[in-house]
Amino acid sequence: MDKEKVKKVLDLLEEEYPEAECALHHRNVFELIVAVALSAQTTDKSVNQVTPELFERYPDAAALSKADPADVEKFIRRIGMYKTKSKNIVAMAGRIVSDFGGQVPEDYESLVSLPGVGRKTANVVLSVGFGHQRIAVDTHVFRVSNRIGLVHESDVLKTELALMETVPENRWSKTHHSLIFHGRNCCTARKPDCEGCVIRELCEKNI
């Protein structure tokens, strides 16, 4: 897409989803990074159902770092891969305490050095938690951006880098959330609602 068409697509999506923001419930950056780590291959809704009790029991990195992963499992067993995620978030909390004074770090390299924190999680934390402009590519962003023609890439990393080239930097974070909402509400994986799509006239799939 040329720059003018990209702008029209982004404007329409933002107008359609003015409420688009992080759907994971959190009160601080520590809760955010844990929630994002737990959300891998699991719905945000499922994560939101288990985190209130988890955070009541382990309110900060210091408390979670001392936990037995087996005890953490009891709080999150309703979500996918809960055994692995329990070990990861306890280890992550331990590193936050030992290496960063109990505070979630604000730079990418430090974030991805933490157990259970990959590129997507780091970008979400930097964007939502610290206000940086970032594009985190999850399954919705990957599918929608390639399907509508914003980019044409074969994997998540290439999609992220291409979106950073295509989308103006001051719109990265908002675009990330708009694409997620569009993927959940309209441009679904199995049965996209092309007739009801706000960008159908601009979508490459319909040209």
Protein backbone atom coordinates (compact mmCIF):
# COMPACT_ATOMS: atom_id res chain seq x y z
CA MET A 1 0.00 0.00 0.00
CA ASP A 2 1.14 3.56 -0.65
CA LYS A 3 1.33 6.02 2.26
CA GLU A 4 -2.04 7.61 1.55
CA LYS A 5 -3.82 4.27 1.48
CA VAL A 6 -2.08 3.17 4.67
CA LYS A 7 -3.25 6.38 6.34
CA LYS A 8 -6.86 5.75 5.24
CA VAL A 9 -6.76 2.19 6.59
CA LEU A 10 -5.35 3.28 9.94
CA ASP A 11 -7.79 6.18 10.24
CA LEU A 12 -10.78 3.93 9.54
CA LEU A 13 -9.63 1.29 12.01
CA GLU A 14 -9.02 3.86 14.75
CA GLU A 15 -12.44 5.37 14.10
CA GLU A 16 -14.05 1.92 14.24
CA TYR A 17 -12.27 0.91 17.46
CA PRO A 18 -11.74 4.07 19.55
CA GLU A 19 -11.65 1.90 22.67
CA ALA A 20 -8.82 -0.29 21.36
CA GLU A 21 -6.26 -0.78 24.11
CA CYS A 22 -4.62 -3.58 26.08
CA ALA A 23 -7.32 -6.01 27.19
CA LEU A 24 -5.24 -7.57 29.96
CA HIS A 25 -6.23 -6.25 33.39
CA HIS A 26 -3.30 -4.81 35.33
CA ARG A 27 -2.60 -2.08 37.86
CA ASN A 28 1.14 -1.68 37.31
CA VAL A 29 3.99 -2.79 35.07
CA PHE A 30 4.75 -5.87 37.16
CA GLU A 31 1.18 -7.14 36.78
CA LEU A 32 1.32 -6.29 33.08
CA ILE A 33 4.46 -8.29 32.32
CA VAL A 34 3.12 -11.31 34.23
CA ALA A 35 -0.25 -11.10 32.47
CA VAL A 36 1.35 -10.81 29.02
CA ALA A 37 3.65 -13.75 29.75
CA LEU A 38 0.63 -15.82 30.80
CA SER A 39 -1.34 -14.85 27.68
CA ALA A 40 0.80 -16.84 25.24
CA GLN A 41 -1.47 -19.24 23.31
CA THR A 42 -4.30 -18.32 25.70
CA THR A 43 -7.07 -15.73 25.45
CA ASP A 44 -6.82 -12.47 27.36
CA LYS A 45 -10.22 -13.26 28.87
CA SER A 46 -8.86 -16.47 30.39
CA VAL A 47 -5.85 -14.66 31.81
CA ASN A 48 -8.07 -11.97 33.34
CA GLN A 49 -10.01 -14.69 35.14
CA VAL A 50 -6.96 -16.05 36.95
CA THR A 51 -4.79 -13.01 37.65
CA PRO A 52 -6.86 -11.31 40.42
CA GLU A 53 -6.23 -14.16 42.88
CA LEU A 54 -2.67 -14.61 41.62
CA PHE A 55 -1.82 -10.95 42.24
CA GLU A 56 -3.58 -10.93 45.59
CA ARG A 57 -1.28 -13.74 46.70
CA TYR A 58 1.84 -12.41 44.95
CA PRO A 59 1.51 -8.61 44.71
CA ASP A 60 5.02 -7.86 43.51
CA ALA A 61 8.17 -9.38 42.08
CA ALA A 62 9.67 -9.99 45.51
CA ALA A 63 6.69 -12.06 46.63
CA LEU A 64 6.45 -14.04 43.39
CA SER A 65 10.19 -14.71 43.31
CA LYS A 66 9.89 -16.63 46.59
CA ALA A 67 6.96 -18.77 45.41
CA ASP A 68 7.03 -22.47 44.71
CA PRO A 69 5.98 -22.92 41.06
CA ALA A 70 3.74 -25.78 42.18
CA ASP A 71 1.81 -23.32 44.36
CA VAL A 72 1.55 -20.82 41.50
CA GLU A 73 0.09 -23.57 39.32
CA LYS A 74 -2.97 -23.71 41.56
CA PHE A 75 -3.88 -20.15 40.58
CA ILE A 76 -3.37 -20.48 36.81
CA ARG A 77 -4.20 -24.11 36.03
CA ARG A 78 -7.22 -22.98 33.94
CA ILE A 79 -4.96 -21.52 31.24
CA GLY A 80 -2.82 -23.33 28.69
CA MET A 81 0.72 -24.47 29.47
CA TYR A 82 0.24 -23.53 33.11
CA LYS A 83 3.11 -25.69 34.41
CA THR A 84 5.69 -24.08 32.13
CA LYS A 85 4.24 -20.61 32.70
CA SER A 86 4.36 -21.08 36.49
CA LYS A 87 8.07 -21.84 36.36
CA ASN A 88 8.72 -18.97 33.95
CA ILE A 89 6.97 -16.23 35.91
CA VAL A 90 8.62 -17.29 39.19
CA ALA A 91 12.03 -17.29 37.48
CA MET A 92 11.20 -13.98 35.79
CA ALA A 93 10.29 -12.41 39.13
CA GLY A 94 13.54 -13.72 40.59
CA ARG A 95 15.57 -12.03 37.85
CA ILE A 96 13.63 -8.78 38.25
CA VAL A 97 14.55 -8.81 41.94
CA SER A 98 18.18 -9.92 41.57
CA ASP A 99 19.15 -7.93 38.48
CA PHE A 100 16.81 -4.93 38.44
CA GLY A 101 16.11 -4.07 42.06
CA GLY A 102 12.58 -5.44 41.96
CA GLN A 103 11.48 -3.10 39.16
CA VAL A 104 10.54 -4.21 35.64
CA PRO A 105 13.27 -2.84 33.32
CA GLU A 106 12.36 -0.28 30.67
CA ASP A 107 14.66 -1.37 27.85
CA TYR A 108 14.14 -4.09 25.26
CA GLU A 109 17.36 -6.06 25.74
CA SER A 110 16.83 -6.34 29.50
CA LEU A 111 13.21 -7.39 29.04
CA VAL A 112 13.96 -10.21 26.57
CA SER A 113 16.68 -11.49 28.90
CA LEU A 114 13.98 -12.40 31.41
CA PRO A 115 12.62 -15.99 31.51
CA GLY A 116 9.38 -16.36 29.56
CA VAL A 117 9.70 -12.93 27.92
CA GLY A 118 9.94 -12.92 24.14
CA ARG A 119 9.81 -10.17 21.57
CA LYS A 120 6.02 -9.74 21.69
CA THR A 121 5.86 -9.55 25.48
CA ALA A 122 8.73 -7.05 25.61
CA ASN A 123 7.08 -4.83 23.02
CA VAL A 124 3.73 -4.88 24.83
CA VAL A 125 5.38 -3.96 28.13
CA LEU A 126 7.34 -1.11 26.52
CA SER A 127 4.22 0.17 24.76
CA VAL A 128 1.50 -0.27 27.38
CA GLY A 129 3.61 -0.12 30.52
CA PHE A 130 6.08 2.60 29.62
CA GLY A 131 4.45 4.54 26.78
CA HIS A 132 6.96 3.74 24.05
CA GLN A 133 5.79 3.46 20.46
CA ARG A 134 5.96 -0.27 19.63
CA ILE A 135 4.27 -2.81 17.40
CA ALA A 136 3.84 -6.19 19.05
CA VAL A 137 2.90 -8.87 16.53
CA ASP A 138 0.54 -11.51 17.89
CA THR A 139 -1.61 -13.90 15.86
CA HIS A 140 -4.21 -11.20 15.09
CA VAL A 141 -1.71 -8.55 14.00
CA PHE A 142 0.16 -11.07 11.86
CA ARG A 143 -3.00 -12.35 10.16
CA VAL A 144 -4.77 -9.05 9.61
CA SER A 145 -1.80 -6.97 8.47
CA ASN A 146 -0.80 -9.56 5.88
CA ARG A 147 -4.35 -10.36 4.79
CA ILE A 148 -5.38 -6.77 4.13
CA GLY A 149 -2.10 -5.93 2.42
CA LEU A 150 -0.39 -3.61 4.87
CA VAL A 151 2.60 -5.93 4.58
CA HIS A 152 3.45 -9.16 2.77
CA GLU A 153 5.60 -11.25 5.07
CA SER A 154 5.93 -14.91 5.98
CA ASP A 155 6.75 -14.74 9.68
CA VAL A 156 6.20 -12.69 12.81
CA LEU A 157 9.58 -10.93 12.95
CA LYS A 158 9.50 -9.91 9.29
CA THR A 159 5.93 -8.67 9.78
CA GLU A 160 6.96 -6.54 12.76
CA LEU A 161 9.89 -4.98 10.90
CA ALA A 162 7.78 -4.37 7.78
CA LEU A 163 5.01 -2.72 9.82
CA MET A 164 7.59 -0.45 11.42
CA GLU A 165 8.56 0.68 7.93
CA THR A 166 4.97 1.01 6.70
CA VAL A 167 3.25 2.61 9.67
CA PRO A 168 4.33 6.07 10.93
CA GLU A 169 6.18 5.66 14.23
CA ASN A 170 3.79 7.91 16.14
CA ARG A 171 1.00 5.44 15.29
CA TRP A 172 2.73 2.14 16.07
CA SER A 173 1.08 1.41 19.44
CA LYS A 174 -2.40 2.49 18.36
CA THR A 175 -2.11 0.46 15.16
CA HIS A 176 -1.13 -2.61 17.17
CA HIS A 177 -4.32 -2.38 19.24
CA SER A 178 -6.55 -1.50 16.27
CA LEU A 179 -5.35 -4.54 14.32
CA ILE A 180 -5.97 -6.80 17.32
CA PHE A 181 -9.51 -5.49 17.76
CA HIS A 182 -10.20 -5.85 14.04
CA GLY A 183 -8.88 -9.41 14.12
CA ARG A 184 -11.09 -10.32 17.07
CA ASN A 185 -14.26 -8.55 15.97
CA CYS A 186 -14.30 -8.70 12.17
CA CYS A 187 -11.28 -10.15 10.36
CA THR A 188 -11.33 -13.49 12.16
CA ALA A 189 -9.18 -16.41 11.11
CA ARG A 190 -11.84 -18.80 9.82
CA LYS A 191 -14.71 -16.58 8.78
CA PRO A 192 -13.86 -12.91 8.24
CA ASP A 193 -16.88 -10.61 8.00
CA CYS A 194 -15.87 -8.94 4.76
CA GLU A 195 -19.35 -7.51 4.16
CA GLY A 196 -19.32 -5.71 7.48
CA CYS A 197 -15.68 -4.62 7.28
CA VAL A 198 -14.96 -0.92 7.58
CA ILE A 199 -11.89 -1.19 5.32
CA ARG A 200 -13.34 -3.60 2.73
CA GLU A 201 -12.87 -1.12 -0.13
CA LEU A 202 -9.17 -0.79 0.71
CA CYS A 203 -8.44 -4.42 1.60
CA GLU A 204 -6.18 -6.31 -0.78
CA LYS A 205 -8.24 -9.47 -0.22
CA ASN A 206 -11.25 -7.82 -1.88
CA ILE A 207 -9.45 -6.10 -4.76
